[in-house]
């Protein structure tokens, strides 16, 4: 028996061109984020976006190679 007989996965696309797809809603609903990345969003990114709280807010500069998910 093969794993493919037990579990079905959708094909993983490494680069997604949003302007060239009509599946944006499905892609957003099925996007999976790691626990580590979720913690970074909560503790680093979202903290800088809380403009209603007093404190020193900083800009965010995201660097990454083409197709690494920066737009997410």
N, C-alpha and C. Protein backbone atom coordinates (compact mmCIF):
# COMPACT_ATOMS: atom_id res chain seq x y z
N UNK A 1 0.85 -1.18 0.00
CA UNK A 1 0.00 0.00 0.00
C UNK A 1 0.89 1.24 0.00
N UNK A 2 0.50 2.25 -0.76
CA UNK A 2 1.24 3.51 -0.84
C UNK A 2 0.50 4.60 -0.07
N UNK A 3 1.27 5.59 0.42
CA UNK A 3 0.66 6.72 1.12
C UNK A 3 -0.38 7.41 0.26
N UNK A 4 -0.13 7.47 -1.04
CA UNK A 4 -1.06 8.15 -1.94
C UNK A 4 -2.43 7.47 -1.98
N UNK A 5 -2.49 6.23 -1.55
CA UNK A 5 -3.77 5.54 -1.49
C UNK A 5 -4.54 5.91 -0.22
N UNK A 6 -3.85 6.41 0.79
CA UNK A 6 -4.47 6.78 2.05
C UNK A 6 -4.76 8.28 2.17
N UNK A 7 -3.87 9.09 1.62
CA UNK A 7 -3.97 10.53 1.79
C UNK A 7 -3.86 11.20 0.43
N UNK A 8 -4.76 12.13 0.16
CA UNK A 8 -4.72 12.86 -1.10
C UNK A 8 -4.29 14.30 -0.82
N UNK A 9 -3.27 14.72 -1.51
CA UNK A 9 -2.76 16.07 -1.40
C UNK A 9 -2.99 16.80 -2.71
N UNK A 10 -3.26 18.10 -2.60
CA UNK A 10 -3.33 18.90 -3.80
C UNK A 10 -1.91 19.26 -4.20
N UNK A 11 -1.69 19.43 -5.48
CA UNK A 11 -0.37 19.78 -5.99
C UNK A 11 0.09 21.09 -5.37
N UNK A 12 1.31 21.12 -4.90
CA UNK A 12 1.88 22.31 -4.28
C UNK A 12 2.51 23.18 -5.35
N UNK A 13 2.09 24.42 -5.40
CA UNK A 13 2.67 25.37 -6.34
C UNK A 13 3.70 26.20 -5.58
N UNK A 14 4.90 26.30 -6.11
CA UNK A 14 5.94 27.04 -5.41
C UNK A 14 5.85 28.54 -5.64
N UNK A 15 5.32 28.95 -6.78
CA UNK A 15 5.13 30.37 -7.09
C UNK A 15 3.71 30.57 -7.58
N UNK A 16 3.00 31.50 -6.99
CA UNK A 16 1.61 31.76 -7.37
C UNK A 16 1.50 33.18 -7.88
N UNK A 17 1.00 33.33 -9.08
CA UNK A 17 0.75 34.65 -9.66
C UNK A 17 -0.73 34.95 -9.45
N UNK A 18 -1.04 35.81 -8.47
CA UNK A 18 -2.43 36.08 -8.12
C UNK A 18 -3.21 36.67 -9.29
N UNK A 19 -2.58 37.51 -10.08
CA UNK A 19 -3.31 38.13 -11.19
C UNK A 19 -3.62 37.12 -12.29
N UNK A 20 -3.03 35.93 -12.23
CA UNK A 20 -3.24 34.92 -13.26
C UNK A 20 -4.05 33.73 -12.75
N UNK A 21 -4.71 33.88 -11.63
CA UNK A 21 -5.47 32.74 -11.11
C UNK A 21 -6.88 33.18 -10.70
N UNK A 22 -7.81 32.27 -10.83
CA UNK A 22 -9.18 32.52 -10.37
C UNK A 22 -9.46 31.71 -9.11
N UNK A 23 -8.40 31.23 -8.45
CA UNK A 23 -8.54 30.40 -7.25
C UNK A 23 -8.04 31.10 -6.00
N UNK A 24 -8.06 32.41 -5.98
CA UNK A 24 -7.50 33.16 -4.85
C UNK A 24 -8.18 32.77 -3.55
N UNK A 25 -9.49 32.69 -3.54
CA UNK A 25 -10.22 32.36 -2.30
C UNK A 25 -9.80 30.99 -1.78
N UNK A 26 -9.70 30.00 -2.67
CA UNK A 26 -9.28 28.66 -2.25
C UNK A 26 -7.85 28.67 -1.73
N UNK A 27 -6.97 29.41 -2.39
CA UNK A 27 -5.58 29.48 -1.94
C UNK A 27 -5.47 30.10 -0.56
N UNK A 28 -6.25 31.14 -0.30
CA UNK A 28 -6.22 31.78 1.01
C UNK A 28 -6.79 30.86 2.08
N UNK A 29 -7.88 30.18 1.78
CA UNK A 29 -8.51 29.28 2.77
C UNK A 29 -7.62 28.09 3.10
N UNK A 30 -6.81 27.62 2.16
CA UNK A 30 -6.01 26.42 2.38
C UNK A 30 -4.56 26.73 2.70
N UNK A 31 -4.22 28.01 2.87
CA UNK A 31 -2.84 28.37 3.19
C UNK A 31 -2.49 27.87 4.59
N UNK A 32 -1.38 27.20 4.72
CA UNK A 32 -0.96 26.64 6.00
C UNK A 32 0.28 27.39 6.48
N UNK A 33 0.25 27.78 7.73
CA UNK A 33 1.37 28.51 8.32
C UNK A 33 1.91 27.72 9.50
N UNK A 34 3.22 27.72 9.65
CA UNK A 34 3.84 26.97 10.75
C UNK A 34 3.61 27.70 12.07
N UNK A 35 3.73 26.96 13.16
CA UNK A 35 3.59 27.55 14.50
C UNK A 35 4.65 28.62 14.72
N UNK A 36 5.87 28.37 14.25
CA UNK A 36 6.95 29.33 14.42
C UNK A 36 6.64 30.64 13.69
N UNK A 37 6.13 30.53 12.47
CA UNK A 37 5.80 31.74 11.71
C UNK A 37 4.61 32.46 12.34
N UNK A 38 3.63 31.73 12.85
CA UNK A 38 2.49 32.35 13.53
C UNK A 38 2.96 33.14 14.75
N UNK A 39 3.89 32.58 15.51
CA UNK A 39 4.43 33.29 16.67
C UNK A 39 5.17 34.56 16.25
N UNK A 40 5.91 34.48 15.15
CA UNK A 40 6.63 35.66 14.67
C UNK A 40 5.64 36.74 14.23
N UNK A 41 4.58 36.35 13.56
CA UNK A 41 3.56 37.33 13.18
C UNK A 41 2.95 37.98 14.41
N UNK A 42 2.57 37.17 15.39
CA UNK A 42 1.93 37.70 16.60
C UNK A 42 2.86 38.59 17.41
N UNK A 43 4.09 38.18 17.56
CA UNK A 43 5.01 38.90 18.44
C UNK A 43 5.78 40.02 17.77
N UNK A 44 5.97 39.95 16.47
CA UNK A 44 6.75 40.97 15.78
C UNK A 44 5.91 41.86 14.88
N UNK A 45 5.24 41.24 13.93
CA UNK A 45 4.52 42.01 12.90
C UNK A 45 3.29 42.69 13.47
N UNK A 46 2.40 41.93 14.06
CA UNK A 46 1.14 42.51 14.56
C UNK A 46 1.39 43.54 15.65
N UNK A 47 2.43 43.33 16.43
CA UNK A 47 2.77 44.29 17.49
C UNK A 47 3.08 45.66 16.89
N UNK A 48 3.72 45.70 15.75
CA UNK A 48 4.06 46.96 15.11
C UNK A 48 2.85 47.62 14.44
N UNK A 49 1.79 46.88 14.24
CA UNK A 49 0.58 47.41 13.58
C UNK A 49 -0.47 47.90 14.57
N UNK A 50 -0.20 47.82 15.87
CA UNK A 50 -1.15 48.27 16.89
C UNK A 50 -0.95 49.77 17.13
N UNK A 51 -1.52 50.58 16.25
CA UNK A 51 -1.31 52.02 16.31
C UNK A 51 -2.14 52.69 17.40
N UNK A 52 -3.14 52.00 17.95
CA UNK A 52 -3.94 52.58 19.01
C UNK A 52 -3.27 52.47 20.38
N UNK A 53 -2.13 51.79 20.45
CA UNK A 53 -1.40 51.66 21.70
C UNK A 53 -0.17 52.57 21.66
N UNK A 54 0.16 53.13 22.80
CA UNK A 54 1.32 54.00 22.90
C UNK A 54 2.59 53.15 22.86
N UNK A 55 3.57 53.63 22.15
CA UNK A 55 4.83 52.92 22.10
C UNK A 55 5.59 53.25 20.83
N UNK A 56 6.80 52.82 20.77
CA UNK A 56 7.66 53.08 19.62
C UNK A 56 7.39 52.03 18.54
N UNK A 57 6.75 52.46 17.48
CA UNK A 57 6.46 51.54 16.36
C UNK A 57 7.55 51.69 15.31
N UNK A 58 7.89 50.59 14.69
CA UNK A 58 8.94 50.57 13.69
C UNK A 58 8.38 50.08 12.36
N UNK A 59 9.05 50.42 11.30
CA UNK A 59 8.68 49.92 9.99
C UNK A 59 9.11 48.47 9.83
N UNK A 60 8.48 47.79 8.92
CA UNK A 60 8.82 46.40 8.64
C UNK A 60 9.33 46.30 7.21
N UNK A 61 10.45 45.65 7.03
CA UNK A 61 11.04 45.46 5.71
C UNK A 61 11.21 43.97 5.50
N UNK A 62 10.47 43.41 4.56
CA UNK A 62 10.49 41.97 4.33
C UNK A 62 11.38 41.67 3.15
N UNK A 63 12.35 40.80 3.37
CA UNK A 63 13.30 40.42 2.33
C UNK A 63 13.16 38.92 2.07
N UNK A 64 13.16 38.55 0.81
CA UNK A 64 13.12 37.14 0.46
C UNK A 64 13.26 36.95 -1.03
N UNK A 65 13.67 35.78 -1.42
CA UNK A 65 13.82 35.46 -2.83
C UNK A 65 12.47 35.35 -3.51
N UNK A 66 12.48 35.41 -4.82
CA UNK A 66 11.26 35.26 -5.60
C UNK A 66 10.59 33.92 -5.27
N UNK A 67 9.28 33.98 -5.00
CA UNK A 67 8.53 32.76 -4.74
C UNK A 67 8.61 32.25 -3.32
N UNK A 68 9.08 33.06 -2.38
CA UNK A 68 9.20 32.58 -1.00
C UNK A 68 8.03 32.99 -0.11
N UNK A 69 7.00 33.61 -0.68
CA UNK A 69 5.79 33.90 0.09
C UNK A 69 5.75 35.25 0.75
N UNK A 70 6.55 36.19 0.30
CA UNK A 70 6.57 37.52 0.91
C UNK A 70 5.20 38.20 0.83
N UNK A 71 4.50 38.01 -0.26
CA UNK A 71 3.21 38.67 -0.43
C UNK A 71 2.15 38.13 0.52
N UNK A 72 2.37 36.95 1.10
CA UNK A 72 1.40 36.41 2.05
C UNK A 72 1.43 37.22 3.31
